[in-house]
Amino acid sequence: MTVFDTEIGALTGGFTDLGQFRGNALLVVNLASRCGLTPQYVGLQALHEAYGERGLTVLGVPSNQFADQEPGTPAEIAEFARSNFGATFPMTEKIDVNGPDRHPLYAALVDAPDDGGHSGDIRWNFEKFLVAPDGTVVARFAPQVEPEAPEVAAAIETVLPR
């Protein structure tokens, strides 16, 4: 079972079929609207636009587990991302990324270590996971690593299918 076999709700209702991304690269990021790192939405949108035609999708995953920094409703989250940052990448329902109610998507992600060797629980908003076209988690980036960082681009380049 891979990330692509996981079921998750879409932000706007219904379900996001992660299987639709099989064969493409996926950058999964836990989001929050009231975080000091929220300006990373700009870089995430830039990645989505720059690499989308080559097979990368940025998938935003709102979570309210860190200092109550994503308290909004689905409509509020979507409007915030669109109106403040022009975000057009897909987003899922708001979920728990840590703890006993951790969503299965994050259960499939958190064992991957980052460059510093950290694996396990998500440390804060905007932690990033790069998933290869076969569903393998190939990279993890700490929240403070900007989406435009050279190491993120290098990792993405290694897994793009086209």
N, C-alpha and C. Protein backbone atom coordinates (compact mmCIF):
# COMPACT_ATOMS: atom_id res chain seq x y z
N MET A 1 0.84 -1.18 0.00
CA MET A 1 0.00 0.00 0.00
C MET A 1 0.88 1.25 0.00
N THR A 2 0.53 2.23 -0.83
CA THR A 2 1.30 3.47 -0.92
C THR A 2 0.39 4.66 -0.59
N VAL A 3 0.99 5.82 -0.59
CA VAL A 3 0.24 7.06 -0.40
C VAL A 3 -0.93 7.12 -1.39
N PHE A 4 -0.73 6.64 -2.59
CA PHE A 4 -1.75 6.72 -3.62
C PHE A 4 -2.96 5.83 -3.35
N ASP A 5 -2.85 4.90 -2.40
CA ASP A 5 -3.95 4.02 -2.04
C ASP A 5 -4.77 4.56 -0.87
N THR A 6 -4.40 5.72 -0.35
CA THR A 6 -5.05 6.31 0.81
C THR A 6 -6.27 7.13 0.38
N GLU A 7 -7.33 7.04 1.15
CA GLU A 7 -8.52 7.85 0.89
C GLU A 7 -8.50 9.07 1.81
N ILE A 8 -8.87 10.21 1.25
CA ILE A 8 -8.93 11.44 2.04
C ILE A 8 -10.00 12.35 1.44
N GLY A 9 -10.66 13.08 2.29
CA GLY A 9 -11.68 14.01 1.81
C GLY A 9 -11.05 15.21 1.11
N ALA A 10 -11.79 15.78 0.19
CA ALA A 10 -11.37 17.01 -0.48
C ALA A 10 -11.83 18.20 0.37
N LEU A 11 -11.12 19.31 0.28
CA LEU A 11 -11.47 20.49 1.05
C LEU A 11 -12.89 20.96 0.73
N THR A 12 -13.26 20.86 -0.51
CA THR A 12 -14.57 21.37 -0.93
C THR A 12 -15.68 20.34 -0.84
N GLY A 13 -15.39 19.19 -0.23
CA GLY A 13 -16.38 18.12 -0.10
C GLY A 13 -16.08 16.97 -1.03
N GLY A 14 -16.67 15.85 -0.73
CA GLY A 14 -16.39 14.65 -1.51
C GLY A 14 -15.03 14.09 -1.14
N PHE A 15 -14.44 13.35 -2.07
CA PHE A 15 -13.15 12.73 -1.79
C PHE A 15 -12.11 13.15 -2.80
N THR A 16 -10.87 13.19 -2.35
CA THR A 16 -9.73 13.37 -3.23
C THR A 16 -9.17 11.98 -3.49
N ASP A 17 -9.22 11.53 -4.72
CA ASP A 17 -8.69 10.22 -5.09
C ASP A 17 -7.19 10.37 -5.32
N LEU A 18 -6.40 10.00 -4.32
CA LEU A 18 -4.95 10.12 -4.46
C LEU A 18 -4.42 9.21 -5.56
N GLY A 19 -5.18 8.20 -5.93
CA GLY A 19 -4.79 7.32 -7.03
C GLY A 19 -4.65 8.05 -8.35
N GLN A 20 -5.33 9.20 -8.49
CA GLN A 20 -5.22 9.98 -9.72
C GLN A 20 -3.81 10.53 -9.92
N PHE A 21 -3.02 10.57 -8.84
CA PHE A 21 -1.66 11.10 -8.94
C PHE A 21 -0.63 10.02 -9.19
N ARG A 22 -1.04 8.75 -9.14
CA ARG A 22 -0.13 7.64 -9.41
C ARG A 22 0.53 7.86 -10.77
N GLY A 23 1.82 7.68 -10.83
CA GLY A 23 2.56 7.93 -12.06
C GLY A 23 3.11 9.35 -12.14
N ASN A 24 2.75 10.17 -11.16
CA ASN A 24 3.25 11.54 -11.08
C ASN A 24 3.90 11.76 -9.72
N ALA A 25 4.64 12.83 -9.59
CA ALA A 25 5.23 13.20 -8.31
C ALA A 25 4.22 14.04 -7.53
N LEU A 26 4.31 13.95 -6.20
CA LEU A 26 3.37 14.64 -5.33
C LEU A 26 4.15 15.26 -4.19
N LEU A 27 3.91 16.55 -3.93
CA LEU A 27 4.50 17.23 -2.78
C LEU A 27 3.37 17.49 -1.80
N VAL A 28 3.40 16.80 -0.66
CA VAL A 28 2.34 16.89 0.34
C VAL A 28 2.81 17.84 1.44
N VAL A 29 1.99 18.83 1.77
CA VAL A 29 2.37 19.87 2.73
C VAL A 29 1.21 20.15 3.68
N ASN A 30 1.47 20.07 5.00
CA ASN A 30 0.43 20.45 5.96
C ASN A 30 0.41 21.98 6.10
N LEU A 31 -0.78 22.55 5.92
CA LEU A 31 -0.95 24.00 5.80
C LEU A 31 -1.64 24.60 7.03
N ALA A 32 -1.42 25.90 7.21
CA ALA A 32 -2.12 26.68 8.23
C ALA A 32 -2.17 28.13 7.78
N SER A 33 -3.28 28.78 8.01
CA SER A 33 -3.50 30.15 7.56
C SER A 33 -2.93 31.22 8.49
N ARG A 34 -2.72 30.88 9.75
CA ARG A 34 -2.30 31.88 10.73
C ARG A 34 -0.93 31.58 11.30
N CYS A 35 -0.05 31.10 10.48
CA CYS A 35 1.30 30.70 10.89
C CYS A 35 2.31 31.69 10.31
N GLY A 36 3.42 31.86 10.99
CA GLY A 36 4.48 32.70 10.46
C GLY A 36 5.04 32.16 9.15
N LEU A 37 4.83 30.87 8.87
CA LEU A 37 5.31 30.26 7.64
C LEU A 37 4.28 30.29 6.51
N THR A 38 3.11 30.85 6.77
CA THR A 38 2.03 30.88 5.78
C THR A 38 2.46 31.51 4.45
N PRO A 39 3.37 32.49 4.42
CA PRO A 39 3.81 33.01 3.12
C PRO A 39 4.41 31.95 2.20
N GLN A 40 4.70 30.76 2.72
CA GLN A 40 5.20 29.67 1.86
C GLN A 40 4.17 29.26 0.81
N TYR A 41 2.92 29.65 0.99
CA TYR A 41 1.91 29.40 -0.04
C TYR A 41 2.41 29.91 -1.40
N VAL A 42 3.10 31.04 -1.40
CA VAL A 42 3.60 31.62 -2.65
C VAL A 42 4.54 30.65 -3.34
N GLY A 43 5.49 30.12 -2.60
CA GLY A 43 6.44 29.17 -3.16
C GLY A 43 5.79 27.86 -3.57
N LEU A 44 4.83 27.41 -2.80
CA LEU A 44 4.12 26.18 -3.17
C LEU A 44 3.37 26.35 -4.48
N GLN A 45 2.71 27.50 -4.64
CA GLN A 45 2.02 27.77 -5.90
C GLN A 45 3.02 27.86 -7.05
N ALA A 46 4.16 28.47 -6.80
CA ALA A 46 5.19 28.57 -7.84
C ALA A 46 5.67 27.18 -8.27
N LEU A 47 5.87 26.28 -7.33
CA LEU A 47 6.26 24.90 -7.67
C LEU A 47 5.16 24.22 -8.49
N HIS A 48 3.93 24.40 -8.04
CA HIS A 48 2.79 23.79 -8.73
C HIS A 48 2.74 24.26 -10.19
N GLU A 49 2.99 25.53 -10.42
CA GLU A 49 2.97 26.07 -11.78
C GLU A 49 4.20 25.67 -12.57
N ALA A 50 5.38 25.72 -11.94
CA ALA A 50 6.62 25.44 -12.66
C ALA A 50 6.76 23.98 -13.07
N TYR A 51 6.29 23.08 -12.23
CA TYR A 51 6.51 21.66 -12.47
C TYR A 51 5.24 20.89 -12.82
N GLY A 52 4.11 21.54 -12.81
CA GLY A 52 2.84 20.84 -13.05
C GLY A 52 2.79 20.10 -14.37
N GLU A 53 3.23 20.74 -15.44
CA GLU A 53 3.18 20.09 -16.75
C GLU A 53 4.19 18.96 -16.87
N ARG A 54 5.15 18.92 -15.94
CA ARG A 54 6.15 17.85 -15.96
C ARG A 54 5.80 16.73 -14.99
N GLY A 55 4.63 16.85 -14.34
CA GLY A 55 4.17 15.74 -13.54
C GLY A 55 4.24 15.90 -12.03
N LEU A 56 4.30 17.14 -11.52
CA LEU A 56 4.27 17.36 -10.08
C LEU A 56 2.94 18.01 -9.69
N THR A 57 2.36 17.51 -8.63
CA THR A 57 1.20 18.17 -8.02
C THR A 57 1.56 18.51 -6.58
N VAL A 58 1.29 19.73 -6.19
CA VAL A 58 1.38 20.13 -4.78
C VAL A 58 0.01 19.82 -4.17
N LEU A 59 0.01 19.12 -3.04
CA LEU A 59 -1.23 18.79 -2.34
C LEU A 59 -1.19 19.42 -0.96
N GLY A 60 -2.05 20.39 -0.74
CA GLY A 60 -2.14 21.07 0.54
C GLY A 60 -3.06 20.31 1.48
N VAL A 61 -2.61 20.16 2.74
CA VAL A 61 -3.36 19.41 3.73
C VAL A 61 -3.52 20.28 4.98
N PRO A 62 -4.64 20.99 5.10
CA PRO A 62 -4.83 21.84 6.28
C PRO A 62 -4.87 21.01 7.57
N SER A 63 -4.25 21.57 8.60
CA SER A 63 -4.28 20.94 9.92
C SER A 63 -4.31 22.04 10.98
N ASN A 64 -5.06 21.81 12.02
CA ASN A 64 -5.19 22.79 13.09
C ASN A 64 -4.49 22.31 14.36
N GLN A 65 -3.50 21.44 14.22
CA GLN A 65 -2.87 20.84 15.39
C GLN A 65 -1.76 21.67 16.00
N PHE A 66 -1.37 22.74 15.38
CA PHE A 66 -0.24 23.53 15.88
C PHE A 66 -0.72 24.93 16.25
N ALA A 67 -0.90 25.14 17.54
CA ALA A 67 -1.27 26.44 18.10
C ALA A 67 -2.56 27.02 17.51
N ASP A 68 -3.46 26.15 17.11
CA ASP A 68 -4.76 26.58 16.59
C ASP A 68 -4.60 27.56 15.43
N GLN A 69 -3.63 27.26 14.55
CA GLN A 69 -3.32 28.19 13.47
C GLN A 69 -4.08 27.94 12.17
N GLU A 70 -4.98 26.93 12.17
CA GLU A 70 -5.86 26.72 11.02
C GLU A 70 -7.27 26.44 11.52
N PRO A 71 -7.92 27.46 12.10
CA PRO A 71 -9.25 27.26 12.68
C PRO A 71 -10.39 27.38 11.68
N GLY A 72 -10.11 27.78 10.46
CA GLY A 72 -11.16 28.11 9.50
C GLY A 72 -11.99 26.93 9.03
N THR A 73 -13.13 27.27 8.47
CA THR A 73 -13.97 26.28 7.80
C THR A 73 -13.34 25.95 6.45
N PRO A 74 -13.78 24.89 5.80
CA PRO A 74 -13.25 24.60 4.47
C PRO A 74 -13.39 25.78 3.50
N ALA A 75 -14.54 26.42 3.51
CA ALA A 75 -14.74 27.57 2.61
C ALA A 75 -13.78 28.71 2.95
N GLU A 76 -13.58 28.97 4.23
CA GLU A 76 -12.65 30.03 4.64
C GLU A 76 -11.21 29.70 4.25
N ILE A 77 -10.83 28.46 4.42
CA ILE A 77 -9.46 28.04 4.05
C ILE A 77 -9.24 28.22 2.55
N ALA A 78 -10.18 27.75 1.76
CA ALA A 78 -10.07 27.85 0.31
C ALA A 78 -10.01 29.31 -0.14
N GLU A 79 -10.88 30.13 0.41
CA GLU A 79 -10.91 31.55 0.04
C GLU A 79 -9.63 32.25 0.46
N PHE A 80 -9.15 31.96 1.66
CA PHE A 80 -7.90 32.56 2.14
C PHE A 80 -6.74 32.24 1.19
N ALA A 81 -6.60 30.97 0.85
CA ALA A 81 -5.49 30.55 -0.01
C ALA A 81 -5.59 31.18 -1.40
N ARG A 82 -6.78 31.21 -1.93
CA ARG A 82 -6.99 31.75 -3.28
C ARG A 82 -6.81 33.26 -3.31
N SER A 83 -7.46 33.97 -2.39
CA SER A 83 -7.44 35.43 -2.44
C SER A 83 -6.13 36.04 -1.98
N ASN A 84 -5.45 35.42 -1.04
CA ASN A 84 -4.20 35.99 -0.53
C ASN A 84 -2.96 35.52 -1.26
N PHE A 85 -3.01 34.31 -1.84
CA PHE A 85 -1.81 33.75 -2.44
C PHE A 85 -2.02 33.20 -3.84
N GLY A 86 -3.22 33.29 -4.37
CA GLY A 86 -3.49 32.78 -5.71
C GLY A 86 -3.34 31.28 -5.80
N ALA A 87 -3.48 30.57 -4.69
CA ALA A 87 -3.27 29.13 -4.67
C ALA A 87 -4.35 28.40 -5.48
N THR A 88 -3.88 27.59 -6.42
CA THR A 88 -4.79 26.78 -7.24
C THR A 88 -4.52 25.29 -7.09
N PHE A 89 -3.51 24.93 -6.30
CA PHE A 89 -3.21 23.51 -6.11
C PHE A 89 -4.31 22.86 -5.27
N PRO A 90 -4.52 21.56 -5.42
CA PRO A 90 -5.59 20.89 -4.68
C PRO A 90 -5.31 20.86 -3.18
N MET A 91 -6.39 20.87 -2.41
CA MET A 91 -6.29 20.78 -0.96
C MET A 91 -7.27 19.73 -0.45
N THR A 92 -6.89 19.09 0.63
CA THR A 92 -7.72 18.07 1.24
C THR A 92 -8.53 18.67 2.38
N GLU A 93 -9.35 17.82 2.97
CA GLU A 93 -10.04 18.19 4.19
C GLU A 93 -9.02 18.48 5.28
N LYS A 94 -9.43 19.18 6.32
CA LYS A 94 -8.58 19.45 7.48
C LYS A 94 -8.46 18.15 8.27
N ILE A 95 -7.23 17.77 8.62
CA ILE A 95 -7.00 16.50 9.30
C ILE A 95 -6.01 16.66 10.45
N ASP A 96 -5.89 15.59 11.24
CA ASP A 96 -4.83 15.48 12.23
C ASP A 96 -3.63 14.81 11.57
N VAL A 97 -2.47 15.40 11.75
CA VAL A 97 -1.24 14.84 11.19
C VAL A 97 -0.41 14.12 12.25
N ASN A 98 -0.76 14.29 13.52
CA ASN A 98 -0.08 13.65 14.64
C ASN A 98 -1.12 13.05 15.58
N GLY A 99 -0.66 12.23 16.48
CA GLY A 99 -1.50 11.73 17.56
C GLY A 99 -2.35 10.54 17.20
N PRO A 100 -3.24 10.17 18.12
CA PRO A 100 -4.04 8.96 17.93
C PRO A 100 -5.02 9.04 16.76
N ASP A 101 -5.37 10.25 16.34
CA ASP A 101 -6.27 10.42 15.21
C ASP A 101 -5.53 10.81 13.93
N ARG A 102 -4.22 10.52 13.91
CA ARG A 102 -3.43 10.83 12.70
C ARG A 102 -4.09 10.17 11.49
N HIS A 103 -4.26 10.95 10.44
CA HIS A 103 -4.86 10.44 9.22
C HIS A 103 -3.93 9.39 8.59
N PRO A 104 -4.49 8.36 7.95
CA PRO A 104 -3.66 7.35 7.30
C PRO A 104 -2.68 7.91 6.27
N LEU A 105 -3.01 9.03 5.64
CA LEU A 105 -2.05 9.64 4.71
C LEU A 105 -0.76 9.98 5.44
N TYR A 106 -0.88 10.59 6.60
CA TYR A 106 0.32 10.97 7.34
C TYR A 106 0.98 9.77 8.00
N ALA A 107 0.21 8.74 8.32
CA ALA A 107 0.81 7.51 8.82
C ALA A 107 1.74 6.92 7.76
N ALA A 108 1.38 7.10 6.48
CA ALA A 108 2.20 6.60 5.38
C ALA A 108 3.41 7.49 5.10
N LEU A 109 3.40 8.71 5.61
CA LEU A 109 4.47 9.67 5.31
C LEU A 109 5.54 9.78 6.40
N VAL A 110 5.15 9.75 7.66
CA VAL A 110 6.01 10.21 8.75
C VAL A 110 7.24 9.37 9.05
N ASP A 111 7.32 8.16 8.53
CA ASP A 111 8.52 7.36 8.79
C ASP A 111 9.71 7.82 7.95
N ALA A 112 9.46 8.61 6.91
CA ALA A 112 10.55 9.11 6.07
C ALA A 112 11.34 10.16 6.84
N PRO A 113 12.68 10.05 6.86
CA PRO A 113 13.50 11.05 7.55
C PRO A 113 13.82 12.24 6.66
N ASP A 114 14.06 13.38 7.29
CA ASP A 114 14.55 14.54 6.54
C ASP A 114 16.07 14.48 6.50
N ASP A 115 16.71 15.50 5.93
CA ASP A 115 18.17 15.50 5.82
C ASP A 115 18.87 15.48 7.17
N GLY A 116 18.20 15.97 8.22
CA GLY A 116 18.77 15.97 9.56
C GLY A 116 18.52 14.68 10.32
N GLY A 117 17.80 13.74 9.69
CA GLY A 117 17.51 12.46 10.31
C GLY A 117 16.21 12.41 11.08
N HIS A 118 15.45 13.52 11.12
CA HIS A 118 14.18 13.51 11.85
C HIS A 118 13.14 12.71 11.09
N SER A 119 12.52 11.78 11.79
CA SER A 119 11.35 11.08 11.27
C SER A 119 10.33 11.03 12.39
N GLY A 120 9.16 10.56 12.09
CA GLY A 120 8.11 10.52 13.10
C GLY A 120 7.24 11.75 13.03
N ASP A 121 6.75 12.18 14.19
CA ASP A 121 5.76 13.24 14.26
C ASP A 121 6.14 14.49 13.46
N ILE A 122 5.11 15.12 12.92
CA ILE A 122 5.24 16.40 12.24
C ILE A 122 5.59 17.44 13.30
N ARG A 123 6.58 18.29 13.01
CA ARG A 123 7.05 19.26 13.99
C ARG A 123 6.24 20.55 13.99
N TRP A 124 5.76 20.95 12.82
CA TRP A 124 5.05 22.22 12.72
C TRP A 124 4.36 22.29 11.37
N ASN A 125 3.65 23.37 11.14
CA ASN A 125 3.01 23.61 9.85
C ASN A 125 4.06 23.69 8.75
N PHE A 126 3.69 23.31 7.56
CA PHE A 126 4.49 23.43 6.34
C PHE A 126 5.65 22.44 6.27
N GLU A 127 5.52 21.30 6.92
CA GLU A 127 6.46 20.20 6.70
C GLU A 127 6.10 19.59 5.35
N LYS A 128 7.11 19.26 4.55
CA LYS A 128 6.88 18.85 3.17
C LYS A 128 7.39 17.43 2.93
N PHE A 129 6.61 16.66 2.16
CA PHE A 129 6.98 15.29 1.78
C PHE A 129 6.90 15.16 0.28
N LEU A 130 7.96 14.65 -0.33
CA LEU A 130 7.97 14.41 -1.77
C LEU A 130 7.73 12.92 -2.01
N VAL A 131 6.71 12.64 -2.81
CA VAL A 131 6.33 11.27 -3.13
C VAL A 131 6.63 11.03 -4.60
N ALA A 132 7.36 9.94 -4.88
CA ALA A 132 7.71 9.58 -6.25
C ALA A 132 6.50 9.01 -6.98
N PRO A 133 6.58 8.93 -8.30
CA PRO A 133 5.45 8.41 -9.08
C PRO A 133 4.99 7.00 -8.69
N ASP A 134 5.86 6.21 -8.07
CA ASP A 134 5.46 4.87 -7.64
C ASP A 134 4.88 4.84 -6.23
N GLY A 135 4.77 6.01 -5.59
CA GLY A 135 4.20 6.09 -4.26
C GLY A 135 5.21 6.06 -3.13
N THR A 136 6.48 5.94 -3.45
CA THR A 136 7.54 5.93 -2.44
C THR A 136 7.79 7.34 -1.93
N VAL A 137 7.89 7.50 -0.61
CA VAL A 137 8.25 8.80 -0.03
C VAL A 137 9.76 8.93 -0.16
N VAL A 138 10.21 9.89 -0.96
CA VAL A 138 11.64 10.00 -1.28
C VAL A 138 12.34 11.15 -0.58
N ALA A 139 11.60 12.10 -0.03
CA ALA A 139 12.24 13.23 0.65
C ALA A 139 11.26 13.85 1.63
N ARG A 140 11.85 14.40 2.69
CA ARG A 140 11.09 15.14 3.69
C ARG A 140 11.84 16.42 3.98
N PHE A 141 11.11 17.52 4.08
CA PHE A 141 11.73 18.81 4.31
C PHE A 141 11.11 19.46 5.54
N ALA A 142 11.96 19.98 6.41
CA ALA A 142 11.51 20.65 7.62
C ALA A 142 10.63 21.84 7.28
N PRO A 143 9.78 22.25 8.21
CA PRO A 143 8.89 23.37 7.95
C PRO A 143 9.59 24.65 7.48
N GLN A 144 10.77 24.92 8.02
CA GLN A 144 11.47 26.16 7.69
C GLN A 144 12.11 26.13 6.31
N VAL A 145 12.21 24.97 5.68
CA VAL A 145 12.78 24.88 4.33
C VAL A 145 11.76 25.46 3.36
N GLU A 146 12.15 26.53 2.70
CA GLU A 146 11.27 27.20 1.75
C GLU A 146 11.01 26.32 0.53
N PRO A 147 9.81 26.39 -0.03
CA PRO A 147 9.53 25.60 -1.22
C PRO A 147 10.50 25.87 -2.38
N GLU A 148 11.02 27.10 -2.45
CA GLU A 148 11.94 27.46 -3.53
C GLU A 148 13.38 27.08 -3.25
N ALA A 149 13.66 26.42 -2.12
CA ALA A 149 15.04 26.06 -1.75
C ALA A 149 15.64 25.13 -2.80
N PRO A 150 16.94 25.29 -3.06
CA PRO A 150 17.60 24.45 -4.08
C PRO A 150 17.45 22.95 -3.82
N GLU A 151 17.46 22.54 -2.55
CA GLU A 151 17.35 21.11 -2.26
C GLU A 151 15.96 20.57 -2.59
N VAL A 152 14.94 21.40 -2.49
CA VAL A 152 13.60 20.97 -2.86
C VAL A 152 13.53 20.80 -4.38
N ALA A 153 14.02 21.78 -5.11
CA ALA A 153 14.01 21.70 -6.57
C ALA A 153 14.83 20.50 -7.06
N ALA A 154 15.98 20.27 -6.45
CA ALA A 154 16.82 19.14 -6.85
C ALA A 154 16.10 17.81 -6.64
N ALA A 155 15.43 17.68 -5.49
CA ALA A 155 14.71 16.44 -5.20
C ALA A 155 13.55 16.25 -6.19
N ILE A 156 12.83 17.33 -6.47
CA ILE A 156 11.71 17.24 -7.41
C ILE A 156 12.22 16.81 -8.79
N GLU A 157 13.31 17.41 -9.23
CA GLU A 157 13.86 17.07 -10.56
C GLU A 157 14.19 15.58 -10.68
N THR A 158 14.58 14.95 -9.58
CA THR A 158 14.97 13.52 -9.65
C THR A 158 13.77 12.60 -9.80
N VAL A 159 12.56 13.07 -9.49
CA VAL A 159 11.39 12.17 -9.55
C VAL A 159 10.35 12.56 -10.58
N LEU A 160 10.57 13.63 -11.30
CA LEU A 160 9.57 14.02 -12.30
C LEU A 160 9.46 12.96 -13.39
N PRO A 161 8.25 12.59 -13.75
CA PRO A 161 8.09 11.54 -14.75
C PRO A 161 8.28 12.00 -16.18
N ARG A 162 8.24 13.30 -16.42
CA ARG A 162 8.42 13.79 -17.80
C ARG A 162 9.11 15.13 -17.81
